[in-house]
PDB file of N, CA and C in Angstrom:
ATOM      1  N   MET A   1      65.731  91.813 108.601  1.00  0.00           N
ATOM      2  CA  MET A   1      67.037  91.182 108.663  1.00  0.00           C
ATOM      3  C   MET A   1      66.852  89.677 108.834  1.00  0.00           C
ATOM      4  N   GLN A   2      67.521  88.900 108.022  1.00  0.00           N
ATOM      5  CA  GLN A   2      67.519  87.453 108.173  1.00  0.00           C
ATOM      6  C   GLN A   2      68.907  87.038 108.630  1.00  0.00           C
ATOM      7  N   LEU A   3      68.952  86.058 109.528  1.00  0.00           N
ATOM      8  CA  LEU A   3      70.219  85.631 110.100  1.00  0.00           C
ATOM      9  C   LEU A   3      70.275  84.117 110.126  1.00  0.00           C
ATOM     10  N   GLN A   4      71.307  83.536 109.543  1.00  0.00           N
ATOM     11  CA  GLN A   4      71.517  82.093 109.524  1.00  0.00           C
ATOM     12  C   GLN A   4      72.797  81.799 110.305  1.00  0.00           C
ATOM     13  N   PRO A   5      72.703  81.116 111.447  1.00  0.00           N
ATOM     14  CA  PRO A   5      73.900  80.782 112.221  1.00  0.00           C
ATOM     15  C   PRO A   5      74.814  79.828 111.443  1.00  0.00           C
ATOM     16  N   LEU A   6      76.099  79.898 111.741  1.00  0.00           N
ATOM     17  CA  LEU A   6      77.075  79.051 111.077  1.00  0.00           C
ATOM     18  C   LEU A   6      77.579  77.966 112.019  1.00  0.00           C
ATOM     19  N   GLY A   7      77.999  76.852 111.460  1.00  0.00           N
ATOM     20  CA  GLY A   7      78.613  75.774 112.236  1.00  0.00           C
ATOM     21  C   GLY A   7      77.671  75.170 113.256  1.00  0.00           C
ATOM     22  N   THR A   8      78.111  75.161 114.517  1.00  0.00           N
ATOM     23  CA  THR A   8      77.320  74.550 115.590  1.00  0.00           C
ATOM     24  C   THR A   8      76.539  75.585 116.396  1.00  0.00           C
ATOM     25  N   ARG A   9      76.315  76.751 115.816  1.00  0.00           N
ATOM     26  CA  ARG A   9      75.589  77.800 116.534  1.00  0.00           C
ATOM     27  C   ARG A   9      74.089  77.734 116.257  1.00  0.00           C
ATOM     28  N   VAL A  10      73.312  78.252 117.222  1.00  0.00           N
ATOM     29  CA  VAL A  10      71.852  78.300 117.092  1.00  0.00           C
ATOM     30  C   VAL A  10      71.372  79.722 117.348  1.00  0.00           C
ATOM     31  N   LEU A  11      70.252  80.087 116.747  1.00  0.00           N
ATOM     32  CA  LEU A  11      69.623  81.389 116.952  1.00  0.00           C
ATOM     33  C   LEU A  11      68.416  81.175 117.849  1.00  0.00           C
ATOM     34  N   VAL A  12      68.391  81.861 118.995  1.00  0.00           N
ATOM     35  CA  VAL A  12      67.362  81.656 120.012  1.00  0.00           C
ATOM     36  C   VAL A  12      66.622  82.965 120.274  1.00  0.00           C
ATOM     37  N   LYS A  13      65.302  82.896 120.347  1.00  0.00           N
ATOM     38  CA  LYS A  13      64.463  84.021 120.775  1.00  0.00           C
ATOM     39  C   LYS A  13      64.145  83.798 122.238  1.00  0.00           C
ATOM     40  N   ARG A  14      64.655  84.684 123.102  1.00  0.00           N
ATOM     41  CA  ARG A  14      64.451  84.552 124.547  1.00  0.00           C
ATOM     42  C   ARG A  14      62.988  84.760 124.912  1.00  0.00           C
ATOM     43  N   LYS A  15      62.506  84.005 125.883  1.00  0.00           N
ATOM     44  CA  LYS A  15      61.149  84.145 126.411  1.00  0.00           C
ATOM     45  C   LYS A  15      61.002  85.558 126.997  1.00  0.00           C
ATOM     46  N   PRO A  16      59.853  86.211 126.831  1.00  0.00           N
ATOM     47  CA  PRO A  16      59.682  87.573 127.359  1.00  0.00           C
ATOM     48  C   PRO A  16      59.831  87.634 128.884  1.00  0.00           C
ATOM     49  N   GLU A  17      60.361  88.759 129.360  1.00  0.00           N
ATOM     50  CA  GLU A  17      60.531  88.956 130.800  1.00  0.00           C
ATOM     51  C   GLU A  17      59.183  89.235 131.461  1.00  0.00           C
ATOM     52  N   VAL A  18      59.051  88.794 132.697  1.00  0.00           N
ATOM     53  CA  VAL A  18      57.845  89.079 133.479  1.00  0.00           C
ATOM     54  C   VAL A  18      58.007  90.474 134.080  1.00  0.00           C
ATOM     55  N   THR A  19      57.111  91.390 133.723  1.00  0.00           N
ATOM     56  CA  THR A  19      57.212  92.762 134.212  1.00  0.00           C
ATOM     57  C   THR A  19      56.069  93.151 135.149  1.00  0.00           C
ATOM     58  N   LYS A  20      55.170  92.207 135.408  1.00  0.00           N
ATOM     59  CA  LYS A  20      54.022  92.484 136.267  1.00  0.00           C
ATOM     60  C   LYS A  20      53.721  91.244 137.090  1.00  0.00           C
ATOM     61  N   THR A  21      53.475  91.417 138.373  1.00  0.00           N
ATOM     62  CA  THR A  21      53.154  90.284 139.239  1.00  0.00           C
ATOM     63  C   THR A  21      51.692  89.885 139.077  1.00  0.00           C
ATOM     64  N   ALA A  22      51.320  88.763 139.665  1.00  0.00           N
ATOM     65  CA  ALA A  22      49.931  88.299 139.604  1.00  0.00           C
ATOM     66  C   ALA A  22      48.986  89.292 140.281  1.00  0.00           C
ATOM     67  N   GLY A  23      49.496  90.035 141.257  1.00  0.00           N
ATOM     68  CA  GLY A  23      48.676  91.016 141.965  1.00  0.00           C
ATOM     69  C   GLY A  23      48.573  92.350 141.250  1.00  0.00           C
ATOM     70  N   GLY A  24      49.274  92.514 140.113  1.00  0.00           N
ATOM     71  CA  GLY A  24      49.176  93.740 139.334  1.00  0.00           C
ATOM     72  C   GLY A  24      50.279  94.742 139.591  1.00  0.00           C
ATOM     73  N   ILE A  25      51.288  94.378 140.362  1.00  0.00           N
ATOM     74  CA  ILE A  25      52.395  95.300 140.653  1.00  0.00           C
ATOM     75  C   ILE A  25      53.421  95.205 139.538  1.00  0.00           C
ATOM     76  N   PHE A  26      53.839  96.364 138.999  1.00  0.00           N
ATOM     77  CA  PHE A  26      54.840  96.392 137.944  1.00  0.00           C
ATOM     78  C   PHE A  26      56.238  96.287 138.542  1.00  0.00           C
ATOM     79  N   ILE A  27      57.077  95.452 137.929  1.00  0.00           N
ATOM     80  CA  ILE A  27      58.437  95.229 138.395  1.00  0.00           C
ATOM     81  C   ILE A  27      59.380  96.053 137.511  1.00  0.00           C
ATOM     82  N   PRO A  28      60.244  96.911 138.090  1.00  0.00           N
ATOM     83  CA  PRO A  28      61.168  97.702 137.270  1.00  0.00           C
ATOM     84  C   PRO A  28      62.230  96.815 136.613  1.00  0.00           C
ATOM     85  N   ASP A  29      62.782  97.291 135.505  1.00  0.00           N
ATOM     86  CA  ASP A  29      63.778  96.524 134.754  1.00  0.00           C
ATOM     87  C   ASP A  29      64.999  96.175 135.593  1.00  0.00           C
ATOM     88  N   THR A  30      65.352  97.024 136.533  1.00  0.00           N
ATOM     89  CA  THR A  30      66.553  96.781 137.344  1.00  0.00           C
ATOM     90  C   THR A  30      66.371  95.610 138.309  1.00  0.00           C
ATOM     91  N   CYS A  31      65.142  95.206 138.574  1.00  0.00           N
ATOM     92  CA  CYS A  31      64.879  94.124 139.527  1.00  0.00           C
ATOM     93  C   CYS A  31      64.537  92.794 138.853  1.00  0.00           C
ATOM     94  N   THR A  32      64.383  92.793 137.559  1.00  0.00           N
ATOM     95  CA  THR A  32      63.996  91.552 136.883  1.00  0.00           C
ATOM     96  C   THR A  32      65.228  90.792 136.406  1.00  0.00           C
ATOM     97  N   GLU A  33      65.106  89.490 136.360  1.00  0.00           N
ATOM     98  CA  GLU A  33      66.158  88.647 135.810  1.00  0.00           C
ATOM     99  C   GLU A  33      65.755  88.225 134.410  1.00  0.00           C
ATOM    100  N   LYS A  34      66.737  88.117 133.528  1.00  0.00           N
ATOM    101  CA  LYS A  34      66.436  87.680 132.176  1.00  0.00           C
ATOM    102  C   LYS A  34      66.081  86.203 132.199  1.00  0.00           C
ATOM    103  N   PRO A  35      65.028  85.816 131.479  1.00  0.00           N
ATOM    104  CA  PRO A  35      64.642  84.406 131.442  1.00  0.00           C
ATOM    105  C   PRO A  35      65.742  83.537 130.822  1.00  0.00           C
ATOM    106  N   MET A  36      65.823  82.305 131.282  1.00  0.00           N
ATOM    107  CA  MET A  36      66.818  81.361 130.787  1.00  0.00           C
ATOM    108  C   MET A  36      66.176  80.345 129.844  1.00  0.00           C
ATOM    109  N   GLU A  37      65.027  80.695 129.290  1.00  0.00           N
ATOM    110  CA  GLU A  37      64.304  79.832 128.358  1.00  0.00           C
ATOM    111  C   GLU A  37      64.116  80.566 127.044  1.00  0.00           C
ATOM    112  N   GLY A  38      64.009  79.790 125.965  1.00  0.00           N
ATOM    113  CA  GLY A  38      63.777  80.405 124.672  1.00  0.00           C
ATOM    114  C   GLY A  38      63.403  79.375 123.621  1.00  0.00           C
ATOM    115  N   ASP A  39      63.110  79.876 122.417  1.00  0.00           N
ATOM    116  CA  ASP A  39      62.738  79.033 121.281  1.00  0.00           C
ATOM    117  C   ASP A  39      63.845  79.078 120.239  1.00  0.00           C
ATOM    118  N   ILE A  40      64.175  77.922 119.677  1.00  0.00           N
ATOM    119  CA  ILE A  40      65.158  77.849 118.608  1.00  0.00           C
ATOM    120  C   ILE A  40      64.497  78.353 117.323  1.00  0.00           C
ATOM    121  N   LEU A  41      65.083  79.371 116.700  1.00  0.00           N
ATOM    122  CA  LEU A  41      64.543  79.901 115.451  1.00  0.00           C
ATOM    123  C   LEU A  41      65.233  79.297 114.237  1.00  0.00           C
ATOM    124  N   SER A  42      66.553  79.188 114.291  1.00  0.00           N
ATOM    125  CA  SER A  42      67.276  78.545 113.197  1.00  0.00           C
ATOM    126  C   SER A  42      68.570  77.952 113.740  1.00  0.00           C
ATOM    127  N   ILE A  43      69.157  77.038 112.965  1.00  0.00           N
ATOM    128  CA  ILE A  43      70.352  76.325 113.414  1.00  0.00           C
ATOM    129  C   ILE A  43      71.401  76.329 112.313  1.00  0.00           C
ATOM    130  N   GLY A  44      72.662  76.129 112.709  1.00  0.00           N
ATOM    131  CA  GLY A  44      73.750  76.014 111.755  1.00  0.00           C
ATOM    132  C   GLY A  44      73.778  74.641 111.110  1.00  0.00           C
ATOM    133  N   ASP A  45      74.655  74.482 110.128  1.00  0.00           N
ATOM    134  CA  ASP A  45      74.751  73.242 109.358  1.00  0.00           C
ATOM    135  C   ASP A  45      75.195  72.038 110.181  1.00  0.00           C
ATOM    136  N   GLU A  46      75.983  72.264 111.231  1.00  0.00           N
ATOM    137  CA  GLU A  46      76.569  71.154 111.983  1.00  0.00           C
ATOM    138  C   GLU A  46      75.824  70.811 113.274  1.00  0.00           C
ATOM    139  N   VAL A  47      74.676  71.450 113.535  1.00  0.00           N
ATOM    140  CA  VAL A  47      73.904  71.196 114.751  1.00  0.00           C
ATOM    141  C   VAL A  47      73.173  69.867 114.624  1.00  0.00           C
ATOM    142  N   LYS A  48      73.291  69.018 115.643  1.00  0.00           N
ATOM    143  CA  LYS A  48      72.693  67.684 115.581  1.00  0.00           C
ATOM    144  C   LYS A  48      71.660  67.405 116.656  1.00  0.00           C
ATOM    145  N   LYS A  49      71.693  68.127 117.785  1.00  0.00           N
ATOM    146  CA  LYS A  49      70.861  67.755 118.931  1.00  0.00           C
ATOM    147  C   LYS A  49      69.534  68.500 119.021  1.00  0.00           C
ATOM    148  N   VAL A  50      69.403  69.646 118.373  1.00  0.00           N
ATOM    149  CA  VAL A  50      68.161  70.429 118.440  1.00  0.00           C
ATOM    150  C   VAL A  50      67.708  70.787 117.034  1.00  0.00           C
ATOM    151  N   LYS A  51      66.435  71.182 116.931  1.00  0.00           N
ATOM    152  CA  LYS A  51      65.901  71.621 115.649  1.00  0.00           C
ATOM    153  C   LYS A  51      65.025  72.852 115.862  1.00  0.00           C
ATOM    154  N   PRO A  52      64.782  73.631 114.812  1.00  0.00           N
ATOM    155  CA  PRO A  52      63.949  74.830 114.956  1.00  0.00           C
ATOM    156  C   PRO A  52      62.574  74.512 115.528  1.00  0.00           C
ATOM    157  N   GLY A  53      62.100  75.397 116.404  1.00  0.00           N
ATOM    158  CA  GLY A  53      60.790  75.230 117.020  1.00  0.00           C
ATOM    159  C   GLY A  53      60.835  74.638 118.415  1.00  0.00           C
ATOM    160  N   GLU A  54      61.964  74.044 118.808  1.00  0.00           N
ATOM    161  CA  GLU A  54      62.060  73.451 120.144  1.00  0.00           C
ATOM    162  C   GLU A  54      62.311  74.523 121.200  1.00  0.00           C
ATOM    163  N   LYS A  55      61.783  74.281 122.386  1.00  0.00           N
ATOM    164  CA  LYS A  55      62.018  75.164 123.538  1.00  0.00           C
ATOM    165  C   LYS A  55      63.232  74.633 124.291  1.00  0.00           C
ATOM    166  N   VAL A  56      64.158  75.544 124.635  1.00  0.00           N
ATOM    167  CA  VAL A  56      65.407  75.131 125.274  1.00  0.00           C
ATOM    168  C   VAL A  56      65.679  75.942 126.530  1.00  0.00           C
ATOM    169  N   LEU A  57      66.558  75.397 127.356  1.00  0.00           N
ATOM    170  CA  LEU A  57      67.018  76.033 128.582  1.00  0.00           C
ATOM    171  C   LEU A  57      68.507  76.300 128.406  1.00  0.00           C
ATOM    172  N   PHE A  58      68.962  77.498 128.809  1.00  0.00           N
ATOM    173  CA  PHE A  58      70.367  77.852 128.676  1.00  0.00           C
ATOM    174  C   PHE A  58      70.815  78.641 129.895  1.00  0.00           C
ATOM    175  N   ALA A  59      72.128  78.799 130.053  1.00  0.00           N
ATOM    176  CA  ALA A  59      72.692  79.512 131.202  1.00  0.00           C
ATOM    177  C   ALA A  59      72.373  81.003 131.113  1.00  0.00           C
ATOM    178  N   LYS A  60      72.438  81.690 132.253  1.00  0.00           N
ATOM    179  CA  LYS A  60      72.089  83.104 132.334  1.00  0.00           C
ATOM    180  C   LYS A  60      72.885  83.980 131.380  1.00  0.00           C
ATOM    181  N   PHE A  61      74.175  83.754 131.302  1.00  0.00           N
ATOM    182  CA  PHE A  61      75.044  84.617 130.506  1.00  0.00           C
ATOM    183  C   PHE A  61      75.531  83.928 129.237  1.00  0.00           C
ATOM    184  N   ALA A  62      74.782  82.963 128.737  1.00  0.00           N
ATOM    185  CA  ALA A  62      75.167  82.235 127.524  1.00  0.00           C
ATOM    186  C   ALA A  62      74.872  83.067 126.287  1.00  0.00           C
ATOM    187  N   GLY A  63      75.668  82.886 125.274  1.00  0.00           N
ATOM    188  CA  GLY A  63      75.409  83.480 123.966  1.00  0.00           C
ATOM    189  C   GLY A  63      75.756  84.954 123.852  1.00  0.00           C
ATOM    190  N   VAL A  64      75.520  85.457 122.660  1.00  0.00           N
ATOM    191  CA  VAL A  64      75.761  86.858 122.316  1.00  0.00           C
ATOM    192  C   VAL A  64      74.429  87.455 121.885  1.00  0.00           C
ATOM    193  N   GLU A  65      74.087  88.612 122.449  1.00  0.00           N
ATOM    194  CA  GLU A  65      72.831  89.260 122.095  1.00  0.00           C
ATOM    195  C   GLU A  65      72.963  89.982 120.765  1.00  0.00           C
ATOM    196  N   VAL A  66      71.966  89.798 119.899  1.00  0.00           N
ATOM    197  CA  VAL A  66      71.912  90.471 118.606  1.00  0.00           C
ATOM    198  C   VAL A  66      70.590  91.223 118.560  1.00  0.00           C
ATOM    199  N   VAL A  67      70.649  92.529 118.282  1.00  0.00           N
ATOM    200  CA  VAL A  67      69.443  93.348 118.264  1.00  0.00           C
ATOM    201  C   VAL A  67      69.121  93.737 116.824  1.00  0.00           C
ATOM    202  N   SER A  68      67.872  93.519 116.437  1.00  0.00           N
ATOM    203  CA  SER A  68      67.375  93.921 115.122  1.00  0.00           C
ATOM    204  C   SER A  68      66.267  94.939 115.328  1.00  0.00           C
ATOM    205  N   ASN A  69      66.321  96.040 114.610  1.00  0.00           N
ATOM    206  CA  ASN A  69      65.324  97.101 114.784  1.00  0.00           C
ATOM    207  C   ASN A  69      63.916  96.646 114.449  1.00  0.00           C
ATOM    208  N   ASP A  70      63.762  95.818 113.428  1.00  0.00           N
ATOM    209  CA  ASP A  70      62.425  95.439 112.995  1.00  0.00           C
ATOM    210  C   ASP A  70      61.884  94.190 113.668  1.00  0.00           C
ATOM    211  N   VAL A  71      62.742  93.353 114.245  1.00  0.00           N
ATOM    212  CA  VAL A  71      62.279  92.082 114.796  1.00  0.00           C
ATOM    213  C   VAL A  71      62.434  91.992 116.310  1.00  0.00           C
ATOM    214  N   GLY A  72      63.493  92.530 116.877  1.00  0.00           N
ATOM    215  CA  GLY A  72      63.693  92.447 118.318  1.00  0.00           C
ATOM    216  C   GLY A  72      65.071  91.945 118.679  1.00  0.00           C
ATOM    217  N   MET A  73      65.176  91.274 119.830  1.00  0.00           N
ATOM    218  CA  MET A  73      66.466  90.808 120.328  1.00  0.00           C
ATOM    219  C   MET A  73      66.540  89.286 120.284  1.00  0.00           C
ATOM    220  N   PHE A  74      67.695  88.784 119.856  1.00  0.00           N
ATOM    221  CA  PHE A  74      67.946  87.351 119.752  1.00  0.00           C
ATOM    222  C   PHE A  74      69.259  87.018 120.448  1.00  0.00           C
ATOM    223  N   LEU A  75      69.491  85.730 120.639  1.00  0.00           N
ATOM    224  CA  LEU A  75      70.763  85.240 121.142  1.00  0.00           C
ATOM    225  C   LEU A  75      71.346  84.281 120.118  1.00  0.00           C
ATOM    226  N   ILE A  76      72.644  84.416 119.871  1.00  0.00           N
ATOM    227  CA  ILE A  76      73.355  83.416 119.079  1.00  0.00           C
ATOM    228  C   ILE A  76      74.283  82.715 120.047  1.00  0.00           C
ATOM    229  N   MET A  77      74.155  81.394 120.131  1.00  0.00           N
ATOM    230  CA  MET A  77      74.996  80.640 121.057  1.00  0.00           C
ATOM    231  C   MET A  77      75.395  79.315 120.431  1.00  0.00           C
ATOM    232  N   ASP A  78      76.449  78.744 120.973  1.00  0.00           N
ATOM    233  CA  ASP A  78      76.909  77.452 120.509  1.00  0.00           C
ATOM    234  C   ASP A  78      75.966  76.371 121.039  1.00  0.00           C
ATOM    235  N   GLU A  79      75.841  75.300 120.294  1.00  0.00           N
ATOM    236  CA  GLU A  79      74.976  74.191 120.697  1.00  0.00           C
ATOM    237  C   GLU A  79      75.387  73.643 122.060  1.00  0.00           C
ATOM    238  N   ASN A  80      76.665  73.694 122.382  1.00  0.00           N
ATOM    239  CA  ASN A  80      77.159  73.186 123.663  1.00  0.00           C
ATOM    240  C   ASN A  80      76.747  74.048 124.853  1.00  0.00           C
ATOM    241  N   GLU A  81      76.311  75.294 124.616  1.00  0.00           N
ATOM    242  CA  GLU A  81      75.872  76.168 125.695  1.00  0.00           C
ATOM    243  C   GLU A  81      74.431  75.885 126.137  1.00  0.00           C
ATOM    244  N   LEU A  82      73.709  75.093 125.364  1.00  0.00           N
ATOM    245  CA  LEU A  82      72.338  74.741 125.727  1.00  0.00           C
ATOM    246  C   LEU A  82      72.375  73.714 126.864  1.00  0.00           C
ATOM    247  N   LEU A  83      71.522  73.903 127.859  1.00  0.00           N
ATOM    248  CA  LEU A  83      71.478  73.008 129.014  1.00  0.00           C
ATOM    249  C   LEU A  83      70.496  71.854 128.821  1.00  0.00           C
ATOM    250  N   GLY A  84      69.430  72.095 128.057  1.00  0.00           N
ATOM    251  CA  GLY A  84      68.439  71.035 127.847  1.00  0.00           C
ATOM    252  C   GLY A  84      67.302  71.491 126.978  1.00  0.00           C
ATOM    253  N   ILE A  85      66.487  70.525 126.572  1.00  0.00           N
ATOM    254  CA  ILE A  85      65.296  70.771 125.763  1.00  0.00           C
ATOM    255  C   ILE A  85      64.081  70.652 126.685  1.00  0.00           C
ATOM    256  N   ILE A  86      63.195  71.626 126.621  1.00  0.00           N
ATOM    257  CA  ILE A  86      61.983  71.622 127.448  1.00  0.00           C
ATOM    258  C   ILE A  86      60.904  70.849 126.700  1.00  0.00           C
ATOM    259  N   ILE A  87      60.408  69.790 127.324  1.00  0.00           N
ATOM    260  CA  ILE A  87      59.398  68.932 126.680  1.00  0.00           C
ATOM    261  C   ILE A  87      58.012  69.301 127.155  1.00  0.00           C
TER     262      ILE A  87
END
């Protein structure tokens, strides 16, 4: 599946969740928080502040989750929902 965001929206791949501590203890899904970092995969025509490949920070409940069977889970969010670019 290929997905091209429209307008000022961006397609973000969320950073993987940490499921194991440094000491080797596995953390159950109910106790983990979803990461607030991700990589921009593609952008809409009207996006001006970010470009594909940049690492970004966003709010916990920002965007809409899109699940693809062959690729995984992505977020589509408006450019205004991004909090910053990670340098």
